[in-house]
C-alpha atoms as a PDB file:
ATOM      1  CA  MET A   1      -3.764  13.242  -7.823  1.00  0.00           C
ATOM      2  CA  LYS A   2      -4.044  10.680 -10.389  1.00  0.00           C
ATOM      3  CA  THR A   3      -1.542   7.611  -9.518  1.00  0.00           C
ATOM      4  CA  ARG A   4      -1.658   4.073 -11.061  1.00  0.00           C
ATOM      5  CA  VAL A   5      -3.315   3.809  -7.121  1.00  0.00           C
ATOM      6  CA  THR A   6      -6.214   5.812  -7.371  1.00  0.00           C
ATOM      7  CA  GLU A   7      -6.987   4.049 -11.070  1.00  0.00           C
ATOM      8  CA  LEU A   8      -6.423   0.156  -9.326  1.00  0.00           C
ATOM      9  CA  LEU A   9      -9.452   1.279  -6.755  1.00  0.00           C
ATOM     10  CA  ASN A  10     -10.980   4.025  -8.598  1.00  0.00           C
ATOM     11  CA  ILE A  11     -10.544   6.827  -5.847  1.00  0.00           C
ATOM     12  CA  GLU A  12     -10.294   9.947  -5.961  1.00  0.00           C
ATOM     13  CA  TYR A  13      -7.812  10.743  -3.672  1.00  0.00           C
ATOM     14  CA  PRO A  14      -4.821   8.569  -3.101  1.00  0.00           C
ATOM     15  CA  ILE A  15      -5.186   8.590   0.549  1.00  0.00           C
ATOM     16  CA  ILE A  16      -5.516   4.630   2.221  1.00  0.00           C
ATOM     17  CA  GLN A  17      -6.830   4.500   6.280  1.00  0.00           C
ATOM     18  CA  GLY A  18      -5.069   2.179   7.797  1.00  0.00           C
ATOM     19  CA  GLY A  19      -7.489  -1.262   8.423  1.00  0.00           C
ATOM     20  CA  MET A  20      -6.818  -1.049  12.987  1.00  0.00           C
ATOM     21  CA  ALA A  21      -8.336  -3.185  14.624  1.00  0.00           C
ATOM     22  CA  TRP A  22     -10.819  -2.614  17.340  1.00  0.00           C
ATOM     23  CA  VAL A  23     -11.105   0.938  15.220  1.00  0.00           C
ATOM     24  CA  ALA A  24     -11.583   0.678  11.633  1.00  0.00           C
ATOM     25  CA  ASP A  25     -15.126  -0.557  11.612  1.00  0.00           C
ATOM     26  CA  ALA A  26     -18.063   0.378   9.130  1.00  0.00           C
ATOM     27  CA  ASN A  27     -18.674   3.799  10.056  1.00  0.00           C
ATOM     28  CA  LEU A  28     -14.673   5.008   9.803  1.00  0.00           C
ATOM     29  CA  ALA A  29     -14.230   2.863   6.589  1.00  0.00           C
ATOM     30  CA  ALA A  30     -17.238   4.045   4.725  1.00  0.00           C
ATOM     31  CA  ASN A  31     -16.889   7.938   5.567  1.00  0.00           C
ATOM     32  CA  VAL A  32     -13.280   7.487   4.209  1.00  0.00           C
ATOM     33  CA  SER A  33     -14.219   6.443   0.958  1.00  0.00           C
ATOM     34  CA  LYS A  34     -17.693   8.447   1.140  1.00  0.00           C
ATOM     35  CA  ALA A  35     -14.855  11.552   0.883  1.00  0.00           C
ATOM     36  CA  GLY A  36     -12.688  10.559  -1.933  1.00  0.00           C
ATOM     37  CA  GLY A  37     -10.030   7.738  -0.074  1.00  0.00           C
ATOM     38  CA  MET A  38     -10.379   4.445   0.325  1.00  0.00           C
ATOM     39  CA  GLY A  39     -11.536   3.052   3.910  1.00  0.00           C
ATOM     40  CA  PHE A  40     -10.660  -0.780   4.620  1.00  0.00           C
ATOM     41  CA  ILE A  41     -13.139  -2.533   7.860  1.00  0.00           C
ATOM     42  CA  GLY A  42     -10.259  -4.125   9.832  1.00  0.00           C
ATOM     43  CA  ALA A  43     -11.112  -7.940  10.201  1.00  0.00           C
ATOM     44  CA  ALA A  44      -8.762  -8.676  13.605  1.00  0.00           C
ATOM     45  CA  ASN A  45      -9.299 -11.295  14.310  1.00  0.00           C
ATOM     46  CA  ALA A  46     -12.990 -11.078  14.656  1.00  0.00           C
ATOM     47  CA  PRO A  47     -15.406 -13.612  12.904  1.00  0.00           C
ATOM     48  CA  ALA A  48     -16.832 -13.399   9.758  1.00  0.00           C
ATOM     49  CA  SER A  49     -20.079 -12.925  10.696  1.00  0.00           C
ATOM     50  CA  TRP A  50     -18.810  -9.421  12.317  1.00  0.00           C
ATOM     51  CA  VAL A  51     -17.568  -9.006   9.425  1.00  0.00           C
ATOM     52  CA  LYS A  52     -20.704  -9.387   7.219  1.00  0.00           C
ATOM     53  CA  GLU A  53     -22.868  -6.572   9.701  1.00  0.00           C
ATOM     54  CA  GLN A  54     -19.740  -4.240   9.059  1.00  0.00           C
ATOM     55  CA  ILE A  55     -19.964  -4.252   5.245  1.00  0.00           C
ATOM     56  CA  ASP A  56     -23.556  -4.007   5.456  1.00  0.00           C
ATOM     57  CA  ILE A  57     -23.366  -1.454   7.624  1.00  0.00           C
ATOM     58  CA  ALA A  58     -20.533   0.111   5.355  1.00  0.00           C
ATOM     59  CA  ARG A  59     -22.984   0.017   2.236  1.00  0.00           C
ATOM     60  CA  SER A  60     -25.520   1.695   3.796  1.00  0.00           C
ATOM     61  CA  ILE A  61     -23.229   4.475   4.439  1.00  0.00           C
ATOM     62  CA  THR A  62     -22.008   4.673   0.691  1.00  0.00           C
ATOM     63  CA  ASP A  63     -22.122   3.331  -2.383  1.00  0.00           C
ATOM     64  CA  LYS A  64     -17.889   3.732  -2.989  1.00  0.00           C
ATOM     65  CA  PRO A  65     -15.773   0.961  -2.339  1.00  0.00           C
ATOM     66  CA  VAL A  66     -15.081  -0.427   0.984  1.00  0.00           C
ATOM     67  CA  GLY A  67     -12.144  -2.729   1.433  1.00  0.00           C
ATOM     68  CA  ILE A  68     -11.052  -5.287   4.448  1.00  0.00           C
ATOM     69  CA  ASN A  69      -7.700  -5.403   6.315  1.00  0.00           C
ATOM     70  CA  ILE A  70      -7.313  -9.481   6.932  1.00  0.00           C
ATOM     71  CA  MET A  71      -4.791 -10.465   9.457  1.00  0.00           C
ATOM     72  CA  LEU A  72      -4.033 -14.018   8.489  1.00  0.00           C
ATOM     73  CA  LEU A  73      -3.012 -14.823  11.761  1.00  0.00           C
ATOM     74  CA  SER A  74      -6.891 -14.773  12.440  1.00  0.00           C
ATOM     75  CA  ASP A  75      -8.890 -17.846  13.605  1.00  0.00           C
ATOM     76  CA  TYR A  76     -11.038 -16.706  10.845  1.00  0.00           C
ATOM     77  CA  ALA A  77      -8.925 -15.963   8.698  1.00  0.00           C
ATOM     78  CA  ASP A  78     -10.445 -18.957   6.416  1.00  0.00           C
ATOM     79  CA  GLU A  79     -13.757 -17.289   6.537  1.00  0.00           C
ATOM     80  CA  ILE A  80     -13.140 -14.024   5.634  1.00  0.00           C
ATOM     81  CA  ALA A  81     -10.944 -15.068   2.277  1.00  0.00           C
ATOM     82  CA  GLN A  82     -14.243 -16.508   1.144  1.00  0.00           C
ATOM     83  CA  LEU A  83     -16.294 -13.887   2.495  1.00  0.00           C
ATOM     84  CA  VAL A  84     -14.902 -10.602   0.584  1.00  0.00           C
ATOM     85  CA  ILE A  85     -15.612 -13.077  -2.587  1.00  0.00           C
ATOM     86  CA  ASP A  86     -18.817 -13.653  -1.865  1.00  0.00           C
ATOM     87  CA  GLU A  87     -19.345 -10.136  -0.907  1.00  0.00           C
ATOM     88  CA  HIS A  88     -17.603  -8.755  -3.792  1.00  0.00           C
ATOM     89  CA  ILE A  89     -15.155  -6.688  -1.921  1.00  0.00           C
ATOM     90  CA  THR A  90     -13.027  -4.595  -3.687  1.00  0.00           C
ATOM     91  CA  ALA A  91      -9.965  -4.706  -2.250  1.00  0.00           C
ATOM     92  CA  VAL A  92      -7.723  -6.382   0.820  1.00  0.00           C
ATOM     93  CA  THR A  93      -5.170  -5.657   2.654  1.00  0.00           C
ATOM     94  CA  THR A  94      -3.440  -8.062   4.253  1.00  0.00           C
ATOM     95  CA  GLY A  95      -0.899  -8.198   7.559  1.00  0.00           C
ATOM     96  CA  ALA A  96       0.652 -10.564  10.239  1.00  0.00           C
ATOM     97  CA  GLY A  97       1.324 -13.575   7.205  1.00  0.00           C
ATOM     98  CA  SER A  98       1.043 -13.813   3.557  1.00  0.00           C
ATOM     99  CA  PRO A  99      -1.829 -14.546   1.655  1.00  0.00           C
ATOM    100  CA  ALA A 100      -0.269 -16.402  -1.279  1.00  0.00           C
ATOM    101  CA  ARG A 101      -2.707 -19.398  -0.181  1.00  0.00           C
ATOM    102  CA  TYR A 102      -5.386 -17.401  -0.944  1.00  0.00           C
ATOM    103  CA  MET A 103      -4.122 -14.696  -3.554  1.00  0.00           C
ATOM    104  CA  LYS A 104      -5.537 -17.157  -7.060  1.00  0.00           C
ATOM    105  CA  ALA A 105      -9.331 -17.288  -5.365  1.00  0.00           C
ATOM    106  CA  TRP A 106      -9.056 -14.248  -4.567  1.00  0.00           C
ATOM    107  CA  LYS A 107      -7.871 -13.058  -8.063  1.00  0.00           C
ATOM    108  CA  GLU A 108     -10.142 -14.634  -9.929  1.00  0.00           C
ATOM    109  CA  ALA A 109     -12.643 -13.052  -8.465  1.00  0.00           C
ATOM    110  CA  GLY A 110     -11.394  -9.523  -9.317  1.00  0.00           C
ATOM    111  CA  ILE A 111     -10.174  -8.204  -5.679  1.00  0.00           C
ATOM    112  CA  LYS A 112      -7.278  -5.947  -5.492  1.00  0.00           C
ATOM    113  CA  VAL A 113      -4.931  -7.402  -2.894  1.00  0.00           C
ATOM    114  CA  ILE A 114      -2.729  -5.210  -1.090  1.00  0.00           C
ATOM    115  CA  PRO A 115      -0.423  -6.917   1.036  1.00  0.00           C
ATOM    116  CA  VAL A 116       1.360  -4.799   4.109  1.00  0.00           C
ATOM    117  CA  VAL A 117       5.292  -5.029   3.560  1.00  0.00           C
ATOM    118  CA  ALA A 118       8.516  -4.261   6.044  1.00  0.00           C
ATOM    119  CA  SER A 119      10.907  -5.591   4.112  1.00  0.00           C
ATOM    120  CA  VAL A 120      12.465  -5.470   0.482  1.00  0.00           C
ATOM    121  CA  ALA A 121      12.269  -9.375   0.637  1.00  0.00           C
ATOM    122  CA  LEU A 122       9.088  -9.839   1.902  1.00  0.00           C
ATOM    123  CA  ALA A 123       7.473  -6.793  -0.991  1.00  0.00           C
ATOM    124  CA  ARG A 124       9.533  -8.705  -4.012  1.00  0.00           C
ATOM    125  CA  ILE A 125       7.655 -12.364  -2.546  1.00  0.00           C
ATOM    126  CA  MET A 126       4.399 -10.605  -2.663  1.00  0.00           C
ATOM    127  CA  GLU A 127       4.548  -8.804  -6.451  1.00  0.00           C
ATOM    128  CA  ARG A 128       5.506 -12.695  -7.506  1.00  0.00           C
ATOM    129  CA  ALA A 129       2.499 -14.005  -5.556  1.00  0.00           C
ATOM    130  CA  GLY A 130      -0.433 -11.463  -8.117  1.00  0.00           C
ATOM    131  CA  ALA A 131       0.262  -8.828  -5.633  1.00  0.00           C
ATOM    132  CA  ASP A 132      -1.698  -5.373  -7.765  1.00  0.00           C
ATOM    133  CA  ALA A 133      -0.153  -3.584  -4.663  1.00  0.00           C
ATOM    134  CA  VAL A 134       2.256  -3.130  -1.233  1.00  0.00           C
ATOM    135  CA  VAL A 135       1.871  -1.253   1.195  1.00  0.00           C
ATOM    136  CA  ALA A 136       5.436  -0.481   2.716  1.00  0.00           C
ATOM    137  CA  GLU A 137       5.078   0.390   6.177  1.00  0.00           C
ATOM    138  CA  GLY A 138       7.905   2.162   8.185  1.00  0.00           C
ATOM    139  CA  MET A 139       8.719   1.495  12.001  1.00  0.00           C
ATOM    140  CA  GLU A 140       7.249   5.616  13.039  1.00  0.00           C
ATOM    141  CA  SER A 141       3.506   3.850  12.456  1.00  0.00           C
ATOM    142  CA  GLY A 142       1.235   2.883  15.881  1.00  0.00           C
ATOM    143  CA  GLY A 143       0.940  -1.039  16.075  1.00  0.00           C
ATOM    144  CA  HIS A 144       2.900  -3.769  15.376  1.00  0.00           C
ATOM    145  CA  ILE A 145       5.978  -2.541  13.393  1.00  0.00           C
ATOM    146  CA  GLY A 146       8.972  -3.787  11.448  1.00  0.00           C
ATOM    147  CA  GLU A 147      12.916  -2.466  12.118  1.00  0.00           C
ATOM    148  CA  GLN A 148      13.053  -0.068   8.786  1.00  0.00           C
ATOM    149  CA  THR A 149      11.782   3.544   8.859  1.00  0.00           C
ATOM    150  CA  THR A 150      10.073   4.863   6.343  1.00  0.00           C
ATOM    151  CA  MET A 151      12.321   7.107   4.909  1.00  0.00           C
ATOM    152  CA  THR A 152      14.646   4.395   3.840  1.00  0.00           C
ATOM    153  CA  LEU A 153      11.996   1.233   3.018  1.00  0.00           C
ATOM    154  CA  VAL A 154       9.659   2.838   0.478  1.00  0.00           C
ATOM    155  CA  PRO A 155      12.840   4.057  -1.788  1.00  0.00           C
ATOM    156  CA  GLN A 156      14.487   0.783  -1.864  1.00  0.00           C
ATOM    157  CA  VAL A 157      10.702  -1.483  -2.726  1.00  0.00           C
ATOM    158  CA  ALA A 158       9.967   1.384  -4.945  1.00  0.00           C
ATOM    159  CA  ASP A 159      12.931   0.300  -6.952  1.00  0.00           C
ATOM    160  CA  ALA A 160      12.303  -3.433  -5.960  1.00  0.00           C
ATOM    161  CA  VAL A 161       9.115  -3.839  -7.233  1.00  0.00           C
ATOM    162  CA  ASP A 162       7.341  -2.639 -10.554  1.00  0.00           C
ATOM    163  CA  ILE A 163       3.888  -2.520  -8.875  1.00  0.00           C
ATOM    164  CA  PRO A 164       3.035   0.381  -6.808  1.00  0.00           C
ATOM    165  CA  VAL A 165       4.182   1.404  -3.462  1.00  0.00           C
ATOM    166  CA  ILE A 166       2.166   3.052  -0.482  1.00  0.00           C
ATOM    167  CA  ALA A 167       4.091   4.913   2.142  1.00  0.00           C
ATOM    168  CA  ALA A 168       3.112   4.007   5.773  1.00  0.00           C
ATOM    169  CA  GLY A 169       4.299   5.293   9.074  1.00  0.00           C
ATOM    170  CA  GLY A 170       4.986   8.899  10.313  1.00  0.00           C
ATOM    171  CA  ILE A 171       2.302   9.915   7.866  1.00  0.00           C
ATOM    172  CA  ALA A 172       0.099  12.501   8.906  1.00  0.00           C
ATOM    173  CA  ASP A 173       0.095  15.784   7.216  1.00  0.00           C
ATOM    174  CA  GLY A 174       0.489  17.504   2.969  1.00  0.00           C
ATOM    175  CA  ARG A 175       4.345  17.276   4.045  1.00  0.00           C
ATOM    176  CA  GLY A 176       4.362  13.773   4.478  1.00  0.00           C
ATOM    177  CA  ILE A 177       2.022  12.797   1.503  1.00  0.00           C
ATOM    178  CA  CYS A 178       4.616  15.055  -0.556  1.00  0.00           C
ATOM    179  CA  ALA A 179       7.389  13.096   1.304  1.00  0.00           C
ATOM    180  CA  ALA A 180       6.100  10.197   0.655  1.00  0.00           C
ATOM    181  CA  PHE A 181       5.568  10.487  -3.317  1.00  0.00           C
ATOM    182  CA  MET A 182       9.130  11.966  -3.559  1.00  0.00           C
ATOM    183  CA  LEU A 183      10.609   8.931  -2.090  1.00  0.00           C
ATOM    184  CA  GLY A 184       8.292   6.695  -4.956  1.00  0.00           C
ATOM    185  CA  ALA A 185       5.132   6.355  -3.290  1.00  0.00           C
ATOM    186  CA  GLU A 186       1.724   6.544  -5.399  1.00  0.00           C
ATOM    187  CA  ALA A 187      -0.273   6.746  -2.507  1.00  0.00           C
ATOM    188  CA  VAL A 188      -0.292   6.850   1.369  1.00  0.00           C
ATOM    189  CA  GLN A 189      -2.095   5.213   4.114  1.00  0.00           C
ATOM    190  CA  MET A 190      -2.717   6.296   7.293  1.00  0.00           C
ATOM    191  CA  GLY A 191      -3.860   4.725  10.745  1.00  0.00           C
ATOM    192  CA  THR A 192      -3.482   8.184  14.061  1.00  0.00           C
ATOM    193  CA  ARG A 193      -4.733  11.046  11.765  1.00  0.00           C
ATOM    194  CA  PHE A 194      -8.200   9.145  11.370  1.00  0.00           C
ATOM    195  CA  ILE A 195      -8.147   7.925  14.970  1.00  0.00           C
ATOM    196  CA  VAL A 196      -9.490  11.084  15.812  1.00  0.00           C
ATOM    197  CA  ALA A 197     -11.792  10.595  13.616  1.00  0.00           C
ATOM    198  CA  LYS A 198     -15.193  12.265  14.311  1.00  0.00           C
ATOM    199  CA  GLU A 199     -16.809   9.259  12.639  1.00  0.00           C
ATOM    200  CA  SER A 200     -14.515   7.214  14.482  1.00  0.00           C
ATOM    201  CA  ASN A 201     -15.718   5.359  17.425  1.00  0.00           C
ATOM    202  CA  VAL A 202     -12.988   5.555  19.579  1.00  0.00           C
ATOM    203  CA  HIS A 203     -13.271   5.934  22.936  1.00  0.00           C
ATOM    204  CA  LYS A 204     -12.965   9.667  23.958  1.00  0.00           C
ATOM    205  CA  ASN A 205     -10.501   8.910  26.132  1.00  0.00           C
ATOM    206  CA  TYR A 206      -8.420   7.452  23.664  1.00  0.00           C
ATOM    207  CA  LYS A 207      -8.742   9.986  21.054  1.00  0.00           C
ATOM    208  CA  ASN A 208      -7.797  12.996  23.928  1.00  0.00           C
ATOM    209  CA  LYS A 209      -4.507  10.800  24.127  1.00  0.00           C
ATOM    210  CA  VAL A 210      -3.687  11.190  20.485  1.00  0.00           C
ATOM    211  CA  THR A 211      -4.246  14.708  20.422  1.00  0.00           C
ATOM    212  CA  SER A 212      -2.488  15.647  23.456  1.00  0.00           C
ATOM    213  CA  ALA A 213       1.264  13.194  22.463  1.00  0.00           C
ATOM    214  CA  LYS A 214       4.416  14.995  22.253  1.00  0.00           C
ATOM    215  CA  ASP A 215       6.606  14.135  19.986  1.00  0.00           C
ATOM    216  CA  ILE A 216       8.034  11.776  22.550  1.00  0.00           C
ATOM    217  CA  ASP A 217       5.188  10.180  24.106  1.00  0.00           C
ATOM    218  CA  THR A 218       5.499   6.928  21.838  1.00  0.00           C
ATOM    219  CA  VAL A 219       6.820   3.769  22.929  1.00  0.00           C
ATOM    220  CA  VAL A 220       8.132  -0.073  21.482  1.00  0.00           C
ATOM    221  CA  THR A 221       7.110  -2.853  23.421  1.00  0.00           C
ATOM    222  CA  GLY A 222       8.240  -6.474  22.521  1.00  0.00           C
ATOM    223  CA  ARG A 223      10.801  -6.225  20.954  1.00  0.00           C
ATOM    224  CA  SER A 224      12.836  -8.843  23.170  1.00  0.00           C
ATOM    225  CA  THR A 225      10.437 -11.259  22.267  1.00  0.00           C
ATOM    226  CA  GLY A 226      10.322 -10.526  18.396  1.00  0.00           C
ATOM    227  CA  HIS A 227       7.205  -8.515  18.717  1.00  0.00           C
ATOM    228  CA  PRO A 228       7.683  -5.298  18.862  1.00  0.00           C
ATOM    229  CA  VAL A 229       4.544  -3.213  18.965  1.00  0.00           C
ATOM    230  CA  ARG A 230       4.285   1.055  19.242  1.00  0.00           C
ATOM    231  CA  SER A 231       1.890   2.630  21.776  1.00  0.00           C
ATOM    232  CA  LEU A 232       1.567   5.897  23.050  1.00  0.00           C
ATOM    233  CA  ARG A 233       3.448   5.566  27.255  1.00  0.00           C
ATOM    234  CA  ASN A 234       1.109   4.398  30.040  1.00  0.00           C
ATOM    235  CA  GLU A 235       1.256   2.739  33.138  1.00  0.00           C
ATOM    236  CA  MET A 236       0.839  -0.895  31.614  1.00  0.00           C
ATOM    237  CA  THR A 237       3.983   0.090  28.580  1.00  0.00           C
ATOM    238  CA  ARG A 238       6.067   1.140  31.749  1.00  0.00           C
ATOM    239  CA  GLU A 239       5.091  -2.169  33.554  1.00  0.00           C
ATOM    240  CA  TYR A 240       5.973  -4.161  30.480  1.00  0.00           C
ATOM    241  CA  LEU A 241       9.417  -2.526  30.157  1.00  0.00           C
ATOM    242  CA  GLU A 242      10.259  -3.158  33.273  1.00  0.00           C
ATOM    243  CA  LEU A 243       9.198  -7.001  32.684  1.00  0.00           C
ATOM    244  CA  GLU A 244      11.159  -7.208  29.745  1.00  0.00           C
ATOM    245  CA  LYS A 245      14.253  -6.014  31.509  1.00  0.00           C
ATOM    246  CA  LYS A 246      13.531  -8.444  33.891  1.00  0.00           C
ATOM    247  CA  GLY A 247      13.786 -10.988  30.694  1.00  0.00           C
ATOM    248  CA  VAL A 248      10.388 -11.967  31.517  1.00  0.00           C
ATOM    249  CA  GLY A 249       9.319 -14.544  29.307  1.00  0.00           C
ATOM    250  CA  PHE A 250       6.277 -14.498  26.119  1.00  0.00           C
ATOM    251  CA  ASP A 251       3.847 -15.561  27.866  1.00  0.00           C
ATOM    252  CA  GLU A 252       4.172 -13.415  30.939  1.00  0.00           C
ATOM    253  CA  LEU A 253       4.185 -10.783  28.997  1.00  0.00           C
ATOM    254  CA  GLU A 254       1.220 -11.550  26.562  1.00  0.00           C
ATOM    255  CA  ARG A 255      -1.079 -12.007  29.972  1.00  0.00           C
ATOM    256  CA  LEU A 256      -0.391  -9.037  30.541  1.00  0.00           C
ATOM    257  CA  THR A 257      -1.317  -6.920  27.329  1.00  0.00           C
ATOM    258  CA  LEU A 258      -4.013  -9.787  26.493  1.00  0.00           C
ATOM    259  CA  GLY A 259      -7.451  -7.673  25.528  1.00  0.00           C
ATOM    260  CA  THR A 260      -5.505  -4.124  26.446  1.00  0.00           C
ATOM    261  CA  LEU A 261      -6.335  -3.105  23.359  1.00  0.00           C
ATOM    262  CA  ARG A 262     -10.446  -3.265  23.636  1.00  0.00           C
ATOM    263  CA  LYS A 263     -10.121  -1.529  27.243  1.00  0.00           C
ATOM    264  CA  ALA A 264      -8.631   1.619  25.389  1.00  0.00           C
ATOM    265  CA  VAL A 265     -10.480   1.635  22.017  1.00  0.00           C
ATOM    266  CA  VAL A 266     -13.848   0.168  23.716  1.00  0.00           C
ATOM    267  CA  ASP A 267     -13.915   1.437  27.571  1.00  0.00           C
ATOM    268  CA  GLY A 268     -11.478   3.871  27.394  1.00  0.00           C
ATOM    269  CA  ASP A 269      -9.090   2.667  29.719  1.00  0.00           C
ATOM    270  CA  VAL A 270      -5.872   4.655  28.731  1.00  0.00           C
ATOM    271  CA  MET A 271      -3.607   3.959  31.458  1.00  0.00           C
ATOM    272  CA  ARG A 272      -3.565   0.059  31.385  1.00  0.00           C
ATOM    273  CA  GLY A 273      -4.871  -0.066  27.822  1.00  0.00           C
ATOM    274  CA  THR A 274      -3.138  -0.338  24.842  1.00  0.00           C
ATOM    275  CA  VAL A 275      -3.139   3.321  22.589  1.00  0.00           C
ATOM    276  CA  MET A 276      -1.718   2.490  19.945  1.00  0.00           C
ATOM    277  CA  ALA A 277      -0.850   5.191  17.530  1.00  0.00           C
ATOM    278  CA  GLY A 278       2.630   6.469  15.272  1.00  0.00           C
ATOM    279  CA  GLN A 279       4.869   8.975  16.313  1.00  0.00           C
ATOM    280  CA  ILE A 280       3.556  11.243  14.224  1.00  0.00           C
ATOM    281  CA  ALA A 281       0.528  11.477  17.104  1.00  0.00           C
ATOM    282  CA  GLY A 282       2.850  14.566  17.583  1.00  0.00           C
ATOM    283  CA  LEU A 283       1.190  16.351  14.891  1.00  0.00           C
ATOM    284  CA  VAL A 284      -2.855  15.519  15.454  1.00  0.00           C
ATOM    285  CA  LYS A 285      -4.300  18.227  16.992  1.00  0.00           C
ATOM    286  CA  LYS A 286      -7.834  17.755  16.510  1.00  0.00           C
ATOM    287  CA  GLU A 287     -11.139  15.564  15.759  1.00  0.00           C
ATOM    288  CA  GLN A 288     -12.512  16.802  11.879  1.00  0.00           C
ATOM    289  CA  SER A 289     -14.476  14.537  10.041  1.00  0.00           C
ATOM    290  CA  CYS A 290     -13.147  11.995   7.578  1.00  0.00           C
ATOM    291  CA  LYS A 291     -14.074  14.757   4.281  1.00  0.00           C
ATOM    292  CA  GLU A 292     -12.451  17.445   6.530  1.00  0.00           C
ATOM    293  CA  ILE A 293      -9.374  15.354   7.242  1.00  0.00           C
ATOM    294  CA  ILE A 294      -8.896  14.455   3.269  1.00  0.00           C
ATOM    295  CA  ASP A 295      -9.570  18.162   2.172  1.00  0.00           C
ATOM    296  CA  GLU A 296      -7.126  19.284   4.301  1.00  0.00           C
ATOM    297  CA  LEU A 297      -4.684  16.640   3.398  1.00  0.00           C
ATOM    298  CA  MET A 298      -5.023  17.690  -0.031  1.00  0.00           C
ATOM    299  CA  THR A 299      -5.181  21.682   0.156  1.00  0.00           C
ATOM    300  CA  GLU A 300      -2.321  20.943   1.928  1.00  0.00           C
ATOM    301  CA  THR A 301      -0.413  18.163  -0.693  1.00  0.00           C
ATOM    302  CA  GLU A 302      -1.415  20.125  -3.302  1.00  0.00           C
ATOM    303  CA  LYS A 303      -0.246  23.351  -2.653  1.00  0.00           C
ATOM    304  CA  LEU A 304       3.715  22.208  -1.304  1.00  0.00           C
ATOM    305  CA  TRP A 305       3.159  20.296  -4.902  1.00  0.00           C
ATOM    306  CA  GLU A 306       2.939  22.901  -6.846  1.00  0.00           C
ATOM    307  CA  ARG A 307       6.689  24.686  -5.267  1.00  0.00           C
ATOM    308  CA  LYS A 308       8.415  21.806  -5.332  1.00  0.00           C
END
């Protein structure tokens, strides 16, 4: 399936791996790229030195392009913005802000810039700023979310901008990919499906929590603070929601979640840690290699596409 996104990134399949903090390291990203998709290393709030190490590891695994996801609120955003230029990174995805301040330098360096957006207004702003494509991410996704669903957001963004749209949120199989294409997307971004990849260094407890999840097992915390986050239910989310009901302030709620994503991903504490996952977790039932995941996705997509 060739689209403007596969041509833009010079990849075989229109499948992008989300740059998930603590999850999307070099091993996962490189193996997604090696399998024909596009992997992204999640820079999160890590220093540029760590990101440079990850880039080197990724390049030792594959000669195919691997991108970097930059959280623009990171203390190290300026350093990483320069690092991707110095390292001749093919593409960056961005979240938690506008990449406008870096756009000129990135474009001059030939870097493809793909911001993640949760509204039509932001998509238009990003297009005007020079973005090459946008990821329209619905609230079905894991982690920090907006208010619109993928079903409503993607077609409105596709109508509003001329650049390619990548759909994200609630996509885990060929049916989701075909649906996204029918809504106007030219690629999909997936996170939850790749959490359980064999090449993912996520703790086994976290992977088991995802593969055993049911359709109703995700919950959104932080709506009262304006920072909603979707994750799988556990002791921590129950306590958080109880405190929210009592009107506890932002600072106390933040202290409750400080370091909890690492606690789940690295330490395997799936009771008190934050187990970020999308609503589609109920469809993710097995651990596979990145190649097996992508091959299965494309086989399903092609069979369904022929029937449309």
